Every structure is written in C-alpha cells, then in structure tokens.
Amino acid sequence: MNPQFELFDIDNPCIGVCQSNKKGYCFGCLRSRPERQMWLSMSTEERREVLRLITGRKQRIEQMRQRKGQQLGFDFEEEFEVSELF
C-alpha cells in the first residue's frame, strides 16, 4: 500500500486545561502523560492513533455519565470526576 501524502499537520488536541488525574490523563485533552510529552516527535500515524484513543475515552466518559445519571437521577454535566475511567 502506498503511503498517503499529508498536506496538513495534525493539530495538537490540547485545549489549555492542562490538569491531570491520578493516572496522568489530562482532563482537557484526555491524553496520557507520554502522549502529551511525545506529541511533537510522533509520526502522523502515531498522532492519528492518539486521536482515535481520545475518541474512545470521550465515549467511555459519556457512557459513564449516562449510567450515573440513570442510576441516581442527577445531571452530571456540571461537575464529574472522571479519574477512574482511565
């Protein structure tokens, strides 16, 4: 398979929150410490993989929020500790 020519760099997913949970995942961009530290030296494929992982993490967080809301009848959109999800 021929490698695809990339016209644009993949943007850094950082949103400037830069606070981590106990396991080292950022609350803002959902990347792990190594993913954040190595971003600039990663290949395009590695960056795509990190973005794929971030998407999965977002989905798991949303599923957890929905389950918690159904169980307790609360709206967790305001504040929610997601540290145990990673």
PDB file of N, CA and C in Angstrom:
ATOM      1  N   MET A   1       0.838  -1.168   0.000  1.00  0.00           N
ATOM      2  CA  MET A   1       0.000   0.000   0.000  1.00  0.00           C
ATOM      3  C   MET A   1       0.890   1.241   0.000  1.00  0.00           C
ATOM      4  N   ASN A   2       0.573   2.189  -0.841  1.00  0.00           N
ATOM      5  CA  ASN A   2       1.348   3.426  -0.923  1.00  0.00           C
ATOM      6  C   ASN A   2       0.996   4.360   0.219  1.00  0.00           C
ATOM      7  N   PRO A   3       2.006   4.986   0.832  1.00  0.00           N
ATOM      8  CA  PRO A   3       1.701   5.945   1.899  1.00  0.00           C
ATOM      9  C   PRO A   3       0.981   7.164   1.332  1.00  0.00           C
ATOM     10  N   GLN A   4       0.011   7.667   2.065  1.00  0.00           N
ATOM     11  CA  GLN A   4      -0.742   8.833   1.619  1.00  0.00           C
ATOM     12  C   GLN A   4       0.041  10.093   1.945  1.00  0.00           C
ATOM     13  N   PHE A   5       0.096  11.006   1.003  1.00  0.00           N
ATOM     14  CA  PHE A   5       0.783  12.276   1.188  1.00  0.00           C
ATOM     15  C   PHE A   5      -0.083  13.182   2.049  1.00  0.00           C
ATOM     16  N   GLU A   6       0.479  13.704   3.129  1.00  0.00           N
ATOM     17  CA  GLU A   6      -0.260  14.573   4.037  1.00  0.00           C
ATOM     18  C   GLU A   6      -0.009  16.037   3.679  1.00  0.00           C
ATOM     19  N   LEU A   7      -1.092  16.771   3.440  1.00  0.00           N
ATOM     20  CA  LEU A   7      -0.972  18.188   3.127  1.00  0.00           C
ATOM     21  C   LEU A   7      -0.917  19.054   4.377  1.00  0.00           C
ATOM     22  N   PHE A   8      -1.541  18.582   5.448  1.00  0.00           N
ATOM     23  CA  PHE A   8      -1.625  19.370   6.667  1.00  0.00           C
ATOM     24  C   PHE A   8      -1.176  18.535   7.863  1.00  0.00           C
ATOM     25  N   ASP A   9      -0.534  19.212   8.814  1.00  0.00           N
ATOM     26  CA  ASP A   9      -0.179  18.549  10.070  1.00  0.00           C
ATOM     27  C   ASP A   9      -1.433  18.288  10.874  1.00  0.00           C
ATOM     28  N   ILE A  10      -1.365  17.305  11.738  1.00  0.00           N
ATOM     29  CA  ILE A  10      -2.464  17.033  12.661  1.00  0.00           C
ATOM     30  C   ILE A  10      -2.294  17.965  13.845  1.00  0.00           C
ATOM     31  N   ASP A  11      -3.323  18.750  14.123  1.00  0.00           N
ATOM     32  CA  ASP A  11      -3.261  19.724  15.210  1.00  0.00           C
ATOM     33  C   ASP A  11      -3.166  19.043  16.562  1.00  0.00           C
ATOM     34  N   ASN A  12      -2.469  19.709  17.465  1.00  0.00           N
ATOM     35  CA  ASN A  12      -2.363  19.260  18.839  1.00  0.00           C
ATOM     36  C   ASN A  12      -3.742  19.365  19.489  1.00  0.00           C
ATOM     37  N   PRO A  13      -4.234  18.317  20.146  1.00  0.00           N
ATOM     38  CA  PRO A  13      -5.568  18.360  20.743  1.00  0.00           C
ATOM     39  C   PRO A  13      -5.652  19.133  22.059  1.00  0.00           C
ATOM     40  N   CYS A  14      -4.557  19.708  22.515  1.00  0.00           N
ATOM     41  CA  CYS A  14      -4.552  20.465  23.763  1.00  0.00           C
ATOM     42  C   CYS A  14      -5.548  21.624  23.696  1.00  0.00           C
ATOM     43  N   ILE A  15      -6.344  21.777  24.783  1.00  0.00           N
ATOM     44  CA  ILE A  15      -7.286  22.895  24.850  1.00  0.00           C
ATOM     45  C   ILE A  15      -6.924  23.857  25.981  1.00  0.00           C
ATOM     46  N   GLY A  16      -5.747  23.678  26.554  1.00  0.00           N
ATOM     47  CA  GLY A  16      -5.243  24.601  27.555  1.00  0.00           C
ATOM     48  C   GLY A  16      -5.716  24.377  28.983  1.00  0.00           C
ATOM     49  N   VAL A  17      -6.353  23.238  29.269  1.00  0.00           N
ATOM     50  CA  VAL A  17      -6.780  22.948  30.637  1.00  0.00           C
ATOM     51  C   VAL A  17      -5.584  22.453  31.442  1.00  0.00           C
ATOM     52  N   CYS A  18      -4.875  21.478  30.934  1.00  0.00           N
ATOM     53  CA  CYS A  18      -3.601  21.007  31.473  1.00  0.00           C
ATOM     54  C   CYS A  18      -3.632  20.645  32.960  1.00  0.00           C
ATOM     55  N   GLN A  19      -4.618  19.850  33.344  1.00  0.00           N
ATOM     56  CA  GLN A  19      -4.689  19.286  34.685  1.00  0.00           C
ATOM     57  C   GLN A  19      -4.895  17.793  34.523  1.00  0.00           C
ATOM     58  N   SER A  20      -4.151  17.021  35.290  1.00  0.00           N
ATOM     59  CA  SER A  20      -4.194  15.566  35.144  1.00  0.00           C
ATOM     60  C   SER A  20      -4.845  14.898  36.341  1.00  0.00           C
ATOM     61  N   ASN A  21      -5.427  13.726  36.067  1.00  0.00           N
ATOM     62  CA  ASN A  21      -5.953  12.913  37.157  1.00  0.00           C
ATOM     63  C   ASN A  21      -4.813  12.101  37.765  1.00  0.00           C
ATOM     64  N   LYS A  22      -5.118  11.248  38.722  1.00  0.00           N
ATOM     65  CA  LYS A  22      -4.086  10.471  39.416  1.00  0.00           C
ATOM     66  C   LYS A  22      -3.323   9.529  38.484  1.00  0.00           C
ATOM     67  N   LYS A  23      -3.959   9.112  37.421  1.00  0.00           N
ATOM     68  CA  LYS A  23      -3.309   8.199  36.479  1.00  0.00           C
ATOM     69  C   LYS A  23      -2.555   8.932  35.374  1.00  0.00           C
ATOM     70  N   GLY A  24      -2.592  10.258  35.371  1.00  0.00           N
ATOM     71  CA  GLY A  24      -1.816  11.039  34.415  1.00  0.00           C
ATOM     72  C   GLY A  24      -2.554  11.456  33.160  1.00  0.00           C
ATOM     73  N   TYR A  25      -3.855  11.214  33.086  1.00  0.00           N
ATOM     74  CA  TYR A  25      -4.623  11.629  31.918  1.00  0.00           C
ATOM     75  C   TYR A  25      -5.106  13.066  32.112  1.00  0.00           C
ATOM     76  N   CYS A  26      -4.950  13.870  31.073  1.00  0.00           N
ATOM     77  CA  CYS A  26      -5.334  15.273  31.130  1.00  0.00           C
ATOM     78  C   CYS A  26      -6.857  15.403  31.069  1.00  0.00           C
ATOM     79  N   PHE A  27      -7.424  16.230  31.929  1.00  0.00           N
ATOM     80  CA  PHE A  27      -8.864  16.471  31.922  1.00  0.00           C
ATOM     81  C   PHE A  27      -9.294  17.241  30.677  1.00  0.00           C
ATOM     82  N   GLY A  28      -8.397  18.013  30.081  1.00  0.00           N
ATOM     83  CA  GLY A  28      -8.742  18.815  28.909  1.00  0.00           C
ATOM     84  C   GLY A  28      -8.720  18.038  27.612  1.00  0.00           C
ATOM     85  N   CYS A  29      -7.589  17.419  27.306  1.00  0.00           N
ATOM     86  CA  CYS A  29      -7.434  16.751  26.011  1.00  0.00           C
ATOM     87  C   CYS A  29      -7.549  15.229  26.091  1.00  0.00           C
ATOM     88  N   LEU A  30      -7.584  14.678  27.301  1.00  0.00           N
ATOM     89  CA  LEU A  30      -7.719  13.236  27.554  1.00  0.00           C
ATOM     90  C   LEU A  30      -6.517  12.411  27.106  1.00  0.00           C
ATOM     91  N   ARG A  31      -5.368  13.055  26.949  1.00  0.00           N
ATOM     92  CA  ARG A  31      -4.158  12.307  26.597  1.00  0.00           C
ATOM     93  C   ARG A  31      -3.410  11.902  27.864  1.00  0.00           C
ATOM     94  N   SER A  32      -2.670  10.808  27.754  1.00  0.00           N
ATOM     95  CA  SER A  32      -1.819  10.362  28.852  1.00  0.00           C
ATOM     96  C   SER A  32      -0.565  11.246  28.894  1.00  0.00           C
ATOM     97  N   ARG A  33       0.193  11.139  29.969  1.00  0.00           N
ATOM     98  CA  ARG A  33       1.444  11.902  30.055  1.00  0.00           C
ATOM     99  C   ARG A  33       2.374  11.608  28.879  1.00  0.00           C
ATOM    100  N   PRO A  34       2.642  10.326  28.588  1.00  0.00           N
ATOM    101  CA  PRO A  34       3.532  10.057  27.451  1.00  0.00           C
ATOM    102  C   PRO A  34       2.983  10.583  26.117  1.00  0.00           C
ATOM    103  N   GLU A  35       1.684  10.505  25.944  1.00  0.00           N
ATOM    104  CA  GLU A  35       1.093  11.027  24.702  1.00  0.00           C
ATOM    105  C   GLU A  35       1.304  12.530  24.597  1.00  0.00           C
ATOM    106  N   ARG A  36       1.186  13.241  25.711  1.00  0.00           N
ATOM    107  CA  ARG A  36       1.417  14.690  25.693  1.00  0.00           C
ATOM    108  C   ARG A  36       2.891  15.004  25.487  1.00  0.00           C
ATOM    109  N   GLN A  37       3.758  14.287  26.179  1.00  0.00           N
ATOM    110  CA  GLN A  37       5.188  14.572  26.113  1.00  0.00           C
ATOM    111  C   GLN A  37       5.779  14.258  24.740  1.00  0.00           C
ATOM    112  N   MET A  38       5.293  13.219  24.103  1.00  0.00           N
ATOM    113  CA  MET A  38       5.868  12.761  22.837  1.00  0.00           C
ATOM    114  C   MET A  38       5.183  13.333  21.596  1.00  0.00           C
ATOM    115  N   TRP A  39       4.140  14.140  21.757  1.00  0.00           N
ATOM    116  CA  TRP A  39       3.328  14.609  20.625  1.00  0.00           C
ATOM    117  C   TRP A  39       4.184  15.200  19.498  1.00  0.00           C
ATOM    118  N   LEU A  40       5.103  16.070  19.819  1.00  0.00           N
ATOM    119  CA  LEU A  40       5.883  16.745  18.772  1.00  0.00           C
ATOM    120  C   LEU A  40       6.806  15.807  18.002  1.00  0.00           C
ATOM    121  N   SER A  41       7.201  14.707  18.613  1.00  0.00           N
ATOM    122  CA  SER A  41       8.094  13.771  17.935  1.00  0.00           C
ATOM    123  C   SER A  41       7.341  12.597  17.300  1.00  0.00           C
ATOM    124  N   MET A  42       6.017  12.548  17.442  1.00  0.00           N
ATOM    125  CA  MET A  42       5.235  11.447  16.881  1.00  0.00           C
ATOM    126  C   MET A  42       5.065  11.590  15.374  1.00  0.00           C
ATOM    127  N   SER A  43       4.969  10.443  14.721  1.00  0.00           N
ATOM    128  CA  SER A  43       4.651  10.437  13.283  1.00  0.00           C
ATOM    129  C   SER A  43       3.159  10.736  13.117  1.00  0.00           C
ATOM    130  N   THR A  44       2.764  10.975  11.891  1.00  0.00           N
ATOM    131  CA  THR A  44       1.361  11.230  11.585  1.00  0.00           C
ATOM    132  C   THR A  44       0.491  10.054  12.008  1.00  0.00           C
ATOM    133  N   GLU A  45       0.951   8.842  11.757  1.00  0.00           N
ATOM    134  CA  GLU A  45       0.177   7.651  12.135  1.00  0.00           C
ATOM    135  C   GLU A  45       0.050   7.533  13.654  1.00  0.00           C
ATOM    136  N   GLU A  46       1.107   7.835  14.374  1.00  0.00           N
ATOM    137  CA  GLU A  46       1.056   7.785  15.838  1.00  0.00           C
ATOM    138  C   GLU A  46       0.074   8.823  16.369  1.00  0.00           C
ATOM    139  N   ARG A  47       0.071  10.003  15.774  1.00  0.00           N
ATOM    140  CA  ARG A  47      -0.863  11.045  16.191  1.00  0.00           C
ATOM    141  C   ARG A  47      -2.300  10.635  15.904  1.00  0.00           C
ATOM    142  N   ARG A  48      -2.523  10.019  14.762  1.00  0.00           N
ATOM    143  CA  ARG A  48      -3.867   9.519  14.443  1.00  0.00           C
ATOM    144  C   ARG A  48      -4.329   8.493  15.469  1.00  0.00           C
ATOM    145  N   GLU A  49      -3.418   7.629  15.890  1.00  0.00           N
ATOM    146  CA  GLU A  49      -3.754   6.620  16.890  1.00  0.00           C
ATOM    147  C   GLU A  49      -4.117   7.277  18.212  1.00  0.00           C
ATOM    148  N   VAL A  50      -3.394   8.309  18.615  1.00  0.00           N
ATOM    149  CA  VAL A  50      -3.711   9.028  19.847  1.00  0.00           C
ATOM    150  C   VAL A  50      -5.099   9.660  19.730  1.00  0.00           C
ATOM    151  N   LEU A  51      -5.406  10.267  18.589  1.00  0.00           N
ATOM    152  CA  LEU A  51      -6.726  10.868  18.395  1.00  0.00           C
ATOM    153  C   LEU A  51      -7.827   9.808  18.445  1.00  0.00           C
ATOM    154  N   ARG A  52      -7.553   8.621  17.924  1.00  0.00           N
ATOM    155  CA  ARG A  52      -8.514   7.518  17.993  1.00  0.00           C
ATOM    156  C   ARG A  52      -8.742   7.111  19.453  1.00  0.00           C
ATOM    157  N   LEU A  53      -7.663   7.034  20.223  1.00  0.00           N
ATOM    158  CA  LEU A  53      -7.772   6.696  21.640  1.00  0.00           C
ATOM    159  C   LEU A  53      -8.563   7.750  22.415  1.00  0.00           C
ATOM    160  N   ILE A  54      -8.337   9.013  22.095  1.00  0.00           N
ATOM    161  CA  ILE A  54      -9.063  10.111  22.736  1.00  0.00           C
ATOM    162  C   ILE A  54     -10.561   9.973  22.472  1.00  0.00           C
ATOM    163  N   THR A  55     -10.924   9.639  21.245  1.00  0.00           N
ATOM    164  CA  THR A  55     -12.332   9.460  20.894  1.00  0.00           C
ATOM    165  C   THR A  55     -12.964   8.362  21.736  1.00  0.00           C
ATOM    166  N   GLY A  56     -12.263   7.245  21.904  1.00  0.00           N
ATOM    167  CA  GLY A  56     -12.760   6.163  22.747  1.00  0.00           C
ATOM    168  C   GLY A  56     -12.906   6.582  24.191  1.00  0.00           C
ATOM    169  N   ARG A  57     -11.972   7.371  24.687  1.00  0.00           N
ATOM    170  CA  ARG A  57     -12.039   7.844  26.073  1.00  0.00           C
ATOM    171  C   ARG A  57     -13.248   8.757  26.266  1.00  0.00           C
ATOM    172  N   LYS A  58     -13.490   9.638  25.299  1.00  0.00           N
ATOM    173  CA  LYS A  58     -14.655  10.526  25.377  1.00  0.00           C
ATOM    174  C   LYS A  58     -15.945   9.715  25.413  1.00  0.00           C
ATOM    175  N   GLN A  59     -16.015   8.687  24.595  1.00  0.00           N
ATOM    176  CA  GLN A  59     -17.214   7.847  24.565  1.00  0.00           C
ATOM    177  C   GLN A  59     -17.426   7.138  25.901  1.00  0.00           C
ATOM    178  N   ARG A  60     -16.357   6.628  26.496  1.00  0.00           N
ATOM    179  CA  ARG A  60     -16.478   5.952  27.790  1.00  0.00           C
ATOM    180  C   ARG A  60     -16.922   6.922  28.888  1.00  0.00           C
ATOM    181  N   ILE A  61     -16.414   8.141  28.845  1.00  0.00           N
ATOM    182  CA  ILE A  61     -16.813   9.158  29.825  1.00  0.00           C
ATOM    183  C   ILE A  61     -18.295   9.463  29.673  1.00  0.00           C
ATOM    184  N   GLU A  62     -18.746   9.639  28.453  1.00  0.00           N
ATOM    185  CA  GLU A  62     -20.163   9.940  28.213  1.00  0.00           C
ATOM    186  C   GLU A  62     -21.051   8.775  28.655  1.00  0.00           C
ATOM    187  N   GLN A  63     -20.630   7.558  28.371  1.00  0.00           N
ATOM    188  CA  GLN A  63     -21.396   6.386  28.807  1.00  0.00           C
ATOM    189  C   GLN A  63     -21.474   6.320  30.330  1.00  0.00           C
ATOM    190  N   MET A  64     -20.371   6.610  30.997  1.00  0.00           N
ATOM    191  CA  MET A  64     -20.355   6.610  32.463  1.00  0.00           C
ATOM    192  C   MET A  64     -21.297   7.681  33.003  1.00  0.00           C
ATOM    193  N   ARG A  65     -21.277   8.853  32.405  1.00  0.00           N
ATOM    194  CA  ARG A  65     -22.170   9.929  32.837  1.00  0.00           C
ATOM    195  C   ARG A  65     -23.628   9.524  32.669  1.00  0.00           C
ATOM    196  N   GLN A  66     -23.939   8.886  31.560  1.00  0.00           N
ATOM    197  CA  GLN A  66     -25.317   8.456  31.321  1.00  0.00           C
ATOM    198  C   GLN A  66     -25.742   7.395  32.332  1.00  0.00           C
ATOM    199  N   ARG A  67     -24.871   6.429  32.601  1.00  0.00           N
ATOM    200  CA  ARG A  67     -25.189   5.386  33.583  1.00  0.00           C
ATOM    201  C   ARG A  67     -25.386   5.982  34.974  1.00  0.00           C
ATOM    202  N   LYS A  68     -24.498   6.888  35.359  1.00  0.00           N
ATOM    203  CA  LYS A  68     -24.608   7.519  36.676  1.00  0.00           C
ATOM    204  C   LYS A  68     -25.899   8.321  36.764  1.00  0.00           C
ATOM    205  N   GLY A  69     -26.245   9.036  35.701  1.00  0.00           N
ATOM    206  CA  GLY A  69     -27.467   9.828  35.678  1.00  0.00           C
ATOM    207  C   GLY A  69     -28.704   8.961  35.772  1.00  0.00           C
ATOM    208  N   GLN A  70     -28.702   7.817  35.126  1.00  0.00           N
ATOM    209  CA  GLN A  70     -29.843   6.913  35.174  1.00  0.00           C
ATOM    210  C   GLN A  70     -29.977   6.282  36.554  1.00  0.00           C
ATOM    211  N   GLN A  71     -28.858   5.953  37.167  1.00  0.00           N
ATOM    212  CA  GLN A  71     -28.891   5.303  38.472  1.00  0.00           C
ATOM    213  C   GLN A  71     -29.336   6.259  39.571  1.00  0.00           C
ATOM    214  N   LEU A  72     -28.849   7.487  39.518  1.00  0.00           N
ATOM    215  CA  LEU A  72     -29.101   8.430  40.606  1.00  0.00           C
ATOM    216  C   LEU A  72     -30.142   9.486  40.279  1.00  0.00           C
ATOM    217  N   GLY A  73     -30.447   9.656  38.995  1.00  0.00           N
ATOM    218  CA  GLY A  73     -31.402  10.677  38.601  1.00  0.00           C
ATOM    219  C   GLY A  73     -30.840  12.083  38.641  1.00  0.00           C
ATOM    220  N   PHE A  74     -29.512  12.216  38.617  1.00  0.00           N
ATOM    221  CA  PHE A  74     -28.875  13.523  38.642  1.00  0.00           C
ATOM    222  C   PHE A  74     -28.344  13.882  37.262  1.00  0.00           C
ATOM    223  N   ASP A  75     -28.109  15.181  37.061  1.00  0.00           N
ATOM    224  CA  ASP A  75     -27.483  15.670  35.844  1.00  0.00           C
ATOM    225  C   ASP A  75     -26.010  15.919  36.162  1.00  0.00           C
ATOM    226  N   PHE A  76     -25.128  15.150  35.558  1.00  0.00           N
ATOM    227  CA  PHE A  76     -23.699  15.248  35.858  1.00  0.00           C
ATOM    228  C   PHE A  76     -22.946  16.127  34.868  1.00  0.00           C
ATOM    229  N   GLU A  77     -23.626  16.950  34.112  1.00  0.00           N
ATOM    230  CA  GLU A  77     -22.949  17.789  33.133  1.00  0.00           C
ATOM    231  C   GLU A  77     -22.084  18.866  33.777  1.00  0.00           C
ATOM    232  N   GLU A  78     -22.450  19.325  34.961  1.00  0.00           N
ATOM    233  CA  GLU A  78     -21.707  20.416  35.582  1.00  0.00           C
ATOM    234  C   GLU A  78     -20.337  19.981  36.080  1.00  0.00           C
ATOM    235  N   GLU A  79     -20.279  19.041  36.974  1.00  0.00           N
ATOM    236  CA  GLU A  79     -19.027  18.579  37.563  1.00  0.00           C
ATOM    237  C   GLU A  79     -19.064  17.069  37.648  1.00  0.00           C
ATOM    238  N   PHE A  80     -17.969  16.438  37.212  1.00  0.00           N
ATOM    239  CA  PHE A  80     -17.922  14.981  37.271  1.00  0.00           C
ATOM    240  C   PHE A  80     -16.475  14.538  37.315  1.00  0.00           C
ATOM    241  N   GLU A  81     -16.125  13.736  38.264  1.00  0.00           N
ATOM    242  CA  GLU A  81     -14.773  13.206  38.394  1.00  0.00           C
ATOM    243  C   GLU A  81     -14.647  12.005  37.484  1.00  0.00           C
ATOM    244  N   VAL A  82     -13.755  12.092  36.501  1.00  0.00           N
ATOM    245  CA  VAL A  82     -13.612  11.007  35.524  1.00  0.00           C
ATOM    246  C   VAL A  82     -12.308  10.227  35.716  1.00  0.00           C
ATOM    247  N   SER A  83     -11.624  10.460  36.823  1.00  0.00           N
ATOM    248  CA  SER A  83     -10.310   9.849  37.004  1.00  0.00           C
ATOM    249  C   SER A  83     -10.349   8.326  36.994  1.00  0.00           C
ATOM    250  N   GLU A  84     -11.446   7.721  37.454  1.00  0.00           N
ATOM    251  CA  GLU A  84     -11.487   6.278  37.487  1.00  0.00           C
ATOM    252  C   GLU A  84     -11.751   5.661  36.123  1.00  0.00           C
ATOM    253  N   LEU A  85     -12.023   6.456  35.107  1.00  0.00           N
ATOM    254  CA  LEU A  85     -12.307   5.927  33.776  1.00  0.00           C
ATOM    255  C   LEU A  85     -11.063   5.582  32.980  1.00  0.00           C
ATOM    256  N   PHE A  86      -9.925   6.089  33.367  1.00  0.00           N
ATOM    257  CA  PHE A  86      -8.718   5.908  32.566  1.00  0.00           C
ATOM    258  C   PHE A  86      -7.829   4.846  33.150  1.00  0.00           C
TER     259      PHE A  86
END
